[in-house]
PDB file of N, CA and C in Angstrom:
ATOM      1  N   MET A   1     130.720-136.343 147.123  1.00  0.00           N
ATOM      2  CA  MET A   1     130.626-137.706 146.631  1.00  0.00           C
ATOM      3  C   MET A   1     130.811-137.674 145.114  1.00  0.00           C
ATOM      4  N   ASN A   2     131.658-138.549 144.599  1.00  0.00           N
ATOM      5  CA  ASN A   2     131.896-138.542 143.163  1.00  0.00           C
ATOM      6  C   ASN A   2     130.867-139.404 142.427  1.00  0.00           C
ATOM      7  N   ASP A   3     130.892-139.304 141.113  1.00  0.00           N
ATOM      8  CA  ASP A   3     129.899-139.991 140.294  1.00  0.00           C
ATOM      9  C   ASP A   3     130.051-141.504 140.345  1.00  0.00           C
ATOM     10  N   LYS A   4     131.274-141.996 140.446  1.00  0.00           N
ATOM     11  CA  LYS A   4     131.480-143.445 140.493  1.00  0.00           C
ATOM     12  C   LYS A   4     130.881-144.043 141.756  1.00  0.00           C
ATOM     13  N   ALA A   5     131.056-143.378 142.884  1.00  0.00           N
ATOM     14  CA  ALA A   5     130.496-143.880 144.128  1.00  0.00           C
ATOM     15  C   ALA A   5     128.973-143.835 144.085  1.00  0.00           C
ATOM     16  N   LEU A   6     128.434-142.761 143.551  1.00  0.00           N
ATOM     17  CA  LEU A   6     126.983-142.642 143.430  1.00  0.00           C
ATOM     18  C   LEU A   6     126.432-143.713 142.490  1.00  0.00           C
ATOM     19  N   GLY A   7     127.080-143.913 141.351  1.00  0.00           N
ATOM     20  CA  GLY A   7     126.643-144.930 140.401  1.00  0.00           C
ATOM     21  C   GLY A   7     126.767-146.331 140.976  1.00  0.00           C
ATOM     22  N   GLY A   8     127.848-146.596 141.693  1.00  0.00           N
ATOM     23  CA  GLY A   8     128.026-147.906 142.316  1.00  0.00           C
ATOM     24  C   GLY A   8     126.975-148.175 143.382  1.00  0.00           C
ATOM     25  N   GLY A   9     126.683-147.151 144.179  1.00  0.00           N
ATOM     26  CA  GLY A   9     125.642-147.301 145.194  1.00  0.00           C
ATOM     27  C   GLY A   9     124.276-147.551 144.576  1.00  0.00           C
ATOM     28  N   LEU A  10     123.988-146.839 143.506  1.00  0.00           N
ATOM     29  CA  LEU A  10     122.716-147.037 142.810  1.00  0.00           C
ATOM     30  C   LEU A  10     122.631-148.448 142.236  1.00  0.00           C
ATOM     31  N   LEU A  11     123.710-148.924 141.660  1.00  0.00           N
ATOM     32  CA  LEU A  11     123.742-150.280 141.116  1.00  0.00           C
ATOM     33  C   LEU A  11     123.473-151.310 142.207  1.00  0.00           C
ATOM     34  N   VAL A  12     124.115-151.160 143.362  1.00  0.00           N
ATOM     35  CA  VAL A  12     123.923-152.104 144.462  1.00  0.00           C
ATOM     36  C   VAL A  12     122.473-152.083 144.944  1.00  0.00           C
ATOM     37  N   TRP A  13     121.899-150.897 145.114  1.00  0.00           N
ATOM     38  CA  TRP A  13     120.514-150.806 145.577  1.00  0.00           C
ATOM     39  C   TRP A  13     119.540-151.444 144.590  1.00  0.00           C
ATOM     40  N   ILE A  14     119.763-151.232 143.297  1.00  0.00           N
ATOM     41  CA  ILE A  14     118.890-151.813 142.280  1.00  0.00           C
ATOM     42  C   ILE A  14     119.004-153.337 142.288  1.00  0.00           C
ATOM     43  N   LEU A  15     120.219-153.853 142.383  1.00  0.00           N
ATOM     44  CA  LEU A  15     120.391-155.306 142.414  1.00  0.00           C
ATOM     45  C   LEU A  15     119.748-155.916 143.661  1.00  0.00           C
ATOM     46  N   LEU A  16     119.898-155.267 144.804  1.00  0.00           N
ATOM     47  CA  LEU A  16     119.237-155.754 146.016  1.00  0.00           C
ATOM     48  C   LEU A  16     117.716-155.704 145.869  1.00  0.00           C
ATOM     49  N   GLY A  17     117.213-154.631 145.264  1.00  0.00           N
ATOM     50  CA  GLY A  17     115.774-154.527 145.034  1.00  0.00           C
ATOM     51  C   GLY A  17     115.265-155.627 144.124  1.00  0.00           C
ATOM     52  N   LEU A  18     116.042-155.962 143.100  1.00  0.00           N
ATOM     53  CA  LEU A  18     115.641-157.050 142.204  1.00  0.00           C
ATOM     54  C   LEU A  18     115.619-158.399 142.922  1.00  0.00           C
ATOM     55  N   VAL A  19     116.594-158.632 143.785  1.00  0.00           N
ATOM     56  CA  VAL A  19     116.624-159.881 144.542  1.00  0.00           C
ATOM     57  C   VAL A  19     115.422-159.961 145.483  1.00  0.00           C
ATOM     58  N   VAL A  20     115.112-158.873 146.159  1.00  0.00           N
ATOM     59  CA  VAL A  20     113.942-158.854 147.054  1.00  0.00           C
ATOM     60  C   VAL A  20     112.661-159.065 146.262  1.00  0.00           C
ATOM     61  N   TYR A  21     112.540-158.403 145.106  1.00  0.00           N
ATOM     62  CA  TYR A  21     111.343-158.568 144.276  1.00  0.00           C
ATOM     63  C   TYR A  21     111.235-160.003 143.771  1.00  0.00           C
ATOM     64  N   LEU A  22     112.350-160.599 143.355  1.00  0.00           N
ATOM     65  CA  LEU A  22     112.349-161.986 142.913  1.00  0.00           C
ATOM     66  C   LEU A  22     111.848-162.901 144.017  1.00  0.00           C
ATOM     67  N   TYR A  23     112.344-162.704 145.219  1.00  0.00           N
ATOM     68  CA  TYR A  23     111.884-163.517 146.347  1.00  0.00           C
ATOM     69  C   TYR A  23     110.388-163.324 146.594  1.00  0.00           C
ATOM     70  N   LEU A  24     109.958-162.065 146.659  1.00  0.00           N
ATOM     71  CA  LEU A  24     108.549-161.803 146.954  1.00  0.00           C
ATOM     72  C   LEU A  24     107.627-162.335 145.862  1.00  0.00           C
ATOM     73  N   LYS A  25     108.065-162.290 144.628  1.00  0.00           N
ATOM     74  CA  LYS A  25     107.212-162.713 143.513  1.00  0.00           C
ATOM     75  C   LYS A  25     107.131-164.226 143.390  1.00  0.00           C
ATOM     76  N   PHE A  26     108.250-164.931 143.549  1.00  0.00           N
ATOM     77  CA  PHE A  26     108.266-166.360 143.255  1.00  0.00           C
ATOM     78  C   PHE A  26     108.373-167.272 144.468  1.00  0.00           C
ATOM     79  N   PHE A  27     108.866-166.797 145.593  1.00  0.00           N
ATOM     80  CA  PHE A  27     109.108-167.693 146.713  1.00  0.00           C
ATOM     81  C   PHE A  27     108.336-167.343 147.979  1.00  0.00           C
ATOM     82  N   SER A  28     107.640-166.221 148.001  1.00  0.00           N
ATOM     83  CA  SER A  28     106.897-165.852 149.208  1.00  0.00           C
ATOM     84  C   SER A  28     105.462-166.363 149.101  1.00  0.00           C
ATOM     85  N   PRO A  29     104.767-166.409 150.213  1.00  0.00           N
ATOM     86  CA  PRO A  29     103.359-166.847 150.165  1.00  0.00           C
ATOM     87  C   PRO A  29     102.411-165.746 149.668  1.00  0.00           C
ATOM     88  N   TRP A  30     102.937-164.560 149.292  1.00  0.00           N
ATOM     89  CA  TRP A  30     102.071-163.458 148.860  1.00  0.00           C
ATOM     90  C   TRP A  30     102.415-162.944 147.466  1.00  0.00           C
ATOM     91  N   PRO A  31     102.483-163.791 146.448  1.00  0.00           N
ATOM     92  CA  PRO A  31     102.871-163.280 145.119  1.00  0.00           C
ATOM     93  C   PRO A  31     101.842-162.322 144.521  1.00  0.00           C
ATOM     94  N   VAL A  32     100.564-162.541 144.803  1.00  0.00           N
ATOM     95  CA  VAL A  32      99.534-161.653 144.254  1.00  0.00           C
ATOM     96  C   VAL A  32      99.630-160.275 144.903  1.00  0.00           C
ATOM     97  N   LEU A  33      99.877-160.245 146.197  1.00  0.00           N
ATOM     98  CA  LEU A  33     100.044-158.968 146.890  1.00  0.00           C
ATOM     99  C   LEU A  33     101.254-158.217 146.332  1.00  0.00           C
ATOM    100  N   THR A  34     102.316-158.934 146.007  1.00  0.00           N
ATOM    101  CA  THR A  34     103.504-158.311 145.434  1.00  0.00           C
ATOM    102  C   THR A  34     103.171-157.636 144.102  1.00  0.00           C
ATOM    103  N   VAL A  35     102.391-158.307 143.263  1.00  0.00           N
ATOM    104  CA  VAL A  35     102.008-157.728 141.972  1.00  0.00           C
ATOM    105  C   VAL A  35     101.115-156.514 142.184  1.00  0.00           C
ATOM    106  N   LYS A  36     100.195-156.599 143.131  1.00  0.00           N
ATOM    107  CA  LYS A  36      99.311-155.461 143.402  1.00  0.00           C
ATOM    108  C   LYS A  36     100.096-154.250 143.898  1.00  0.00           C
ATOM    109  N   VAL A  37     101.032-154.467 144.790  1.00  0.00           N
ATOM    110  CA  VAL A  37     101.837-153.361 145.317  1.00  0.00           C
ATOM    111  C   VAL A  37     102.707-152.772 144.211  1.00  0.00           C
ATOM    112  N   THR A  38     103.281-153.630 143.367  1.00  0.00           N
ATOM    113  CA  THR A  38     104.105-153.154 142.258  1.00  0.00           C
ATOM    114  C   THR A  38     103.283-152.325 141.281  1.00  0.00           C
ATOM    115  N   ALA A  39     102.103-152.813 140.931  1.00  0.00           N
ATOM    116  CA  ALA A  39     101.246-152.077 139.996  1.00  0.00           C
ATOM    117  C   ALA A  39     100.826-150.737 140.591  1.00  0.00           C
ATOM    118  N   PHE A  40     100.458-150.729 141.861  1.00  0.00           N
ATOM    119  CA  PHE A  40     100.071-149.474 142.509  1.00  0.00           C
ATOM    120  C   PHE A  40     101.232-148.491 142.526  1.00  0.00           C
ATOM    121  N   THR A  41     102.424-148.965 142.837  1.00  0.00           N
ATOM    122  CA  THR A  41     103.592-148.097 142.888  1.00  0.00           C
ATOM    123  C   THR A  41     103.892-147.496 141.515  1.00  0.00           C
ATOM    124  N   ALA A  42     103.780-148.307 140.462  1.00  0.00           N
ATOM    125  CA  ALA A  42     104.037-147.803 139.114  1.00  0.00           C
ATOM    126  C   ALA A  42     103.011-146.743 138.718  1.00  0.00           C
ATOM    127  N   VAL A  43     101.736-146.997 138.989  1.00  0.00           N
ATOM    128  CA  VAL A  43     100.692-146.028 138.648  1.00  0.00           C
ATOM    129  C   VAL A  43     100.851-144.760 139.481  1.00  0.00           C
ATOM    130  N   ALA A  44     101.156-144.903 140.763  1.00  0.00           N
ATOM    131  CA  ALA A  44     101.338-143.740 141.624  1.00  0.00           C
ATOM    132  C   ALA A  44     102.532-142.900 141.175  1.00  0.00           C
ATOM    133  N   ALA A  45     103.616-143.539 140.743  1.00  0.00           N
ATOM    134  CA  ALA A  45     104.786-142.800 140.265  1.00  0.00           C
ATOM    135  C   ALA A  45     104.450-142.027 138.993  1.00  0.00           C
ATOM    136  N   LEU A  46     103.755-142.673 138.067  1.00  0.00           N
ATOM    137  CA  LEU A  46     103.374-142.003 136.829  1.00  0.00           C
ATOM    138  C   LEU A  46     102.440-140.823 137.103  1.00  0.00           C
ATOM    139  N   MET A  47     101.453-141.020 137.954  1.00  0.00           N
ATOM    140  CA  MET A  47     100.517-139.941 138.280  1.00  0.00           C
ATOM    141  C   MET A  47     101.213-138.804 139.030  1.00  0.00           C
ATOM    142  N   SER A  48     102.199-139.130 139.848  1.00  0.00           N
ATOM    143  CA  SER A  48     102.946-138.091 140.563  1.00  0.00           C
ATOM    144  C   SER A  48     103.740-137.234 139.593  1.00  0.00           C
ATOM    145  N   ILE A  49     104.324-137.859 138.591  1.00  0.00           N
ATOM    146  CA  ILE A  49     105.068-137.090 137.587  1.00  0.00           C
ATOM    147  C   ILE A  49     104.138-136.168 136.819  1.00  0.00           C
ATOM    148  N   VAL A  50     102.975-136.674 136.420  1.00  0.00           N
ATOM    149  CA  VAL A  50     102.013-135.848 135.698  1.00  0.00           C
ATOM    150  C   VAL A  50     101.511-134.711 136.591  1.00  0.00           C
ATOM    151  N   ALA A  51     101.273-134.993 137.877  1.00  0.00           N
ATOM    152  CA  ALA A  51     100.844-133.947 138.805  1.00  0.00           C
ATOM    153  C   ALA A  51     101.922-132.889 138.975  1.00  0.00           C
ATOM    154  N   TRP A  52     103.175-133.296 139.023  1.00  0.00           N
ATOM    155  CA  TRP A  52     104.290-132.361 139.142  1.00  0.00           C
ATOM    156  C   TRP A  52     104.355-131.454 137.919  1.00  0.00           C
ATOM    157  N   ILE A  53     104.179-132.026 136.739  1.00  0.00           N
ATOM    158  CA  ILE A  53     104.170-131.219 135.517  1.00  0.00           C
ATOM    159  C   ILE A  53     103.000-130.234 135.546  1.00  0.00           C
ATOM    160  N   GLY A  54     101.827-130.693 135.957  1.00  0.00           N
ATOM    161  CA  GLY A  54     100.669-129.805 136.046  1.00  0.00           C
ATOM    162  C   GLY A  54     100.880-128.683 137.045  1.00  0.00           C
ATOM    163  N   TYR A  55     101.454-128.993 138.188  1.00  0.00           N
ATOM    164  CA  TYR A  55     101.735-127.963 139.192  1.00  0.00           C
ATOM    165  C   TYR A  55     102.724-126.937 138.641  1.00  0.00           C
ATOM    166  N   SER A  56     103.759-127.441 137.956  1.00  0.00           N
ATOM    167  CA  SER A  56     104.748-126.524 137.375  1.00  0.00           C
ATOM    168  C   SER A  56     104.106-125.603 136.346  1.00  0.00           C
ATOM    169  N   MET A  57     103.217-126.155 135.526  1.00  0.00           N
ATOM    170  CA  MET A  57     102.546-125.334 134.516  1.00  0.00           C
ATOM    171  C   MET A  57     101.606-124.329 135.168  1.00  0.00           C
ATOM    172  N   ALA A  58     100.917-124.732 136.241  1.00  0.00           N
ATOM    173  CA  ALA A  58      99.947-123.857 136.886  1.00  0.00           C
ATOM    174  C   ALA A  58     100.609-122.726 137.659  1.00  0.00           C
ATOM    175  N   THR A  59     101.805-122.954 138.181  1.00  0.00           N
ATOM    176  CA  THR A  59     102.456-121.933 139.009  1.00  0.00           C
ATOM    177  C   THR A  59     103.498-121.128 138.245  1.00  0.00           C
ATOM    178  N   LYS A  60     103.707-121.423 136.971  1.00  0.00           N
ATOM    179  CA  LYS A  60     104.672-120.679 136.167  1.00  0.00           C
ATOM    180  C   LYS A  60     104.151-119.267 135.933  1.00  0.00           C
ATOM    181  N   PRO A  61     104.990-118.271 136.084  1.00  0.00           N
ATOM    182  CA  PRO A  61     104.514-116.906 135.843  1.00  0.00           C
ATOM    183  C   PRO A  61     104.150-116.728 134.367  1.00  0.00           C
ATOM    184  N   PRO A  62     103.180-115.878 134.101  1.00  0.00           N
ATOM    185  CA  PRO A  62     102.760-115.689 132.707  1.00  0.00           C
ATOM    186  C   PRO A  62     103.864-115.037 131.878  1.00  0.00           C
ATOM    187  N   LEU A  63     103.823-115.315 130.585  1.00  0.00           N
ATOM    188  CA  LEU A  63     104.769-114.677 129.683  1.00  0.00           C
ATOM    189  C   LEU A  63     104.420-113.211 129.510  1.00  0.00           C
ATOM    190  N   GLY A  64     105.374-112.433 129.073  1.00  0.00           N
ATOM    191  CA  GLY A  64     105.130-111.019 128.806  1.00  0.00           C
ATOM    192  C   GLY A  64     104.292-110.856 127.547  1.00  0.00           C
ATOM    193  N   PRO A  65     104.067-109.620 127.147  1.00  0.00           N
ATOM    194  CA  PRO A  65     103.284-109.376 125.934  1.00  0.00           C
ATOM    195  C   PRO A  65     103.951-110.007 124.710  1.00  0.00           C
ATOM    196  N   LEU A  66     103.138-110.399 123.746  1.00  0.00           N
ATOM    197  CA  LEU A  66     103.625-111.040 122.538  1.00  0.00           C
ATOM    198  C   LEU A  66     104.563-110.133 121.750  1.00  0.00           C
ATOM    199  N   GLU A  67     104.317-108.845 121.792  1.00  0.00           N
ATOM    200  CA  GLU A  67     105.158-107.908 121.056  1.00  0.00           C
ATOM    201  C   GLU A  67     106.607-107.959 121.556  1.00  0.00           C
ATOM    202  N   ASP A  68     106.791-108.104 122.876  1.00  0.00           N
ATOM    203  CA  ASP A  68     108.126-108.173 123.423  1.00  0.00           C
ATOM    204  C   ASP A  68     108.851-109.426 122.938  1.00  0.00           C
ATOM    205  N   LEU A  69     108.128-110.565 122.890  1.00  0.00           N
ATOM    206  CA  LEU A  69     108.739-111.785 122.403  1.00  0.00           C
ATOM    207  C   LEU A  69     109.116-111.664 120.936  1.00  0.00           C
ATOM    208  N   LEU A  70     108.235-111.057 120.137  1.00  0.00           N
ATOM    209  CA  LEU A  70     108.523-110.906 118.716  1.00  0.00           C
ATOM    210  C   LEU A  70     109.708-109.983 118.489  1.00  0.00           C
ATOM    211  N   SER A  71     109.809-108.926 119.268  1.00  0.00           N
ATOM    212  CA  SER A  71     110.928-108.001 119.097  1.00  0.00           C
ATOM    213  C   SER A  71     112.245-108.683 119.516  1.00  0.00           C
ATOM    214  N   ASP A  72     112.190-109.556 120.521  1.00  0.00           N
ATOM    215  CA  ASP A  72     113.391-110.293 120.905  1.00  0.00           C
ATOM    216  C   ASP A  72     113.829-111.223 119.779  1.00  0.00           C
ATOM    217  N   ILE A  73     112.892-111.838 119.093  1.00  0.00           N
ATOM    218  CA  ILE A  73     113.237-112.733 117.978  1.00  0.00           C
ATOM    219  C   ILE A  73     113.822-111.926 116.826  1.00  0.00           C
ATOM    220  N   GLU A  74     113.267-110.755 116.552  1.00  0.00           N
ATOM    221  CA  GLU A  74     113.760-109.931 115.455  1.00  0.00           C
ATOM    222  C   GLU A  74     115.174-109.426 115.726  1.00  0.00           C
ATOM    223  N   ASP A  75     115.526-109.240 116.994  1.00  0.00           N
ATOM    224  CA  ASP A  75     116.859-108.773 117.349  1.00  0.00           C
ATOM    225  C   ASP A  75     117.935-109.814 117.077  1.00  0.00           C
ATOM    226  N   ILE A  76     117.551-111.053 117.015  1.00  0.00           N
ATOM    227  CA  ILE A  76     118.522-112.137 116.829  1.00  0.00           C
ATOM    228  C   ILE A  76     119.004-112.205 115.437  1.00  0.00           C
TER     229      ILE A  76
END
């Protein structure tokens, strides 16, 4: 799949999502529920990213001895 097709598909999905959100927010009988779900999704996405960073940091193998790093810098 080329980049133009991927970008076009992403554009279409985002525009459809905006139309659905517009309907749910302003024309549905559940506008408060829409805001609650949106807020929860945003917080959950942010916390998931932070958790992913924490997991990556926790599972990263330790660095070698400091002397090896310093000698690599001196070689440059």
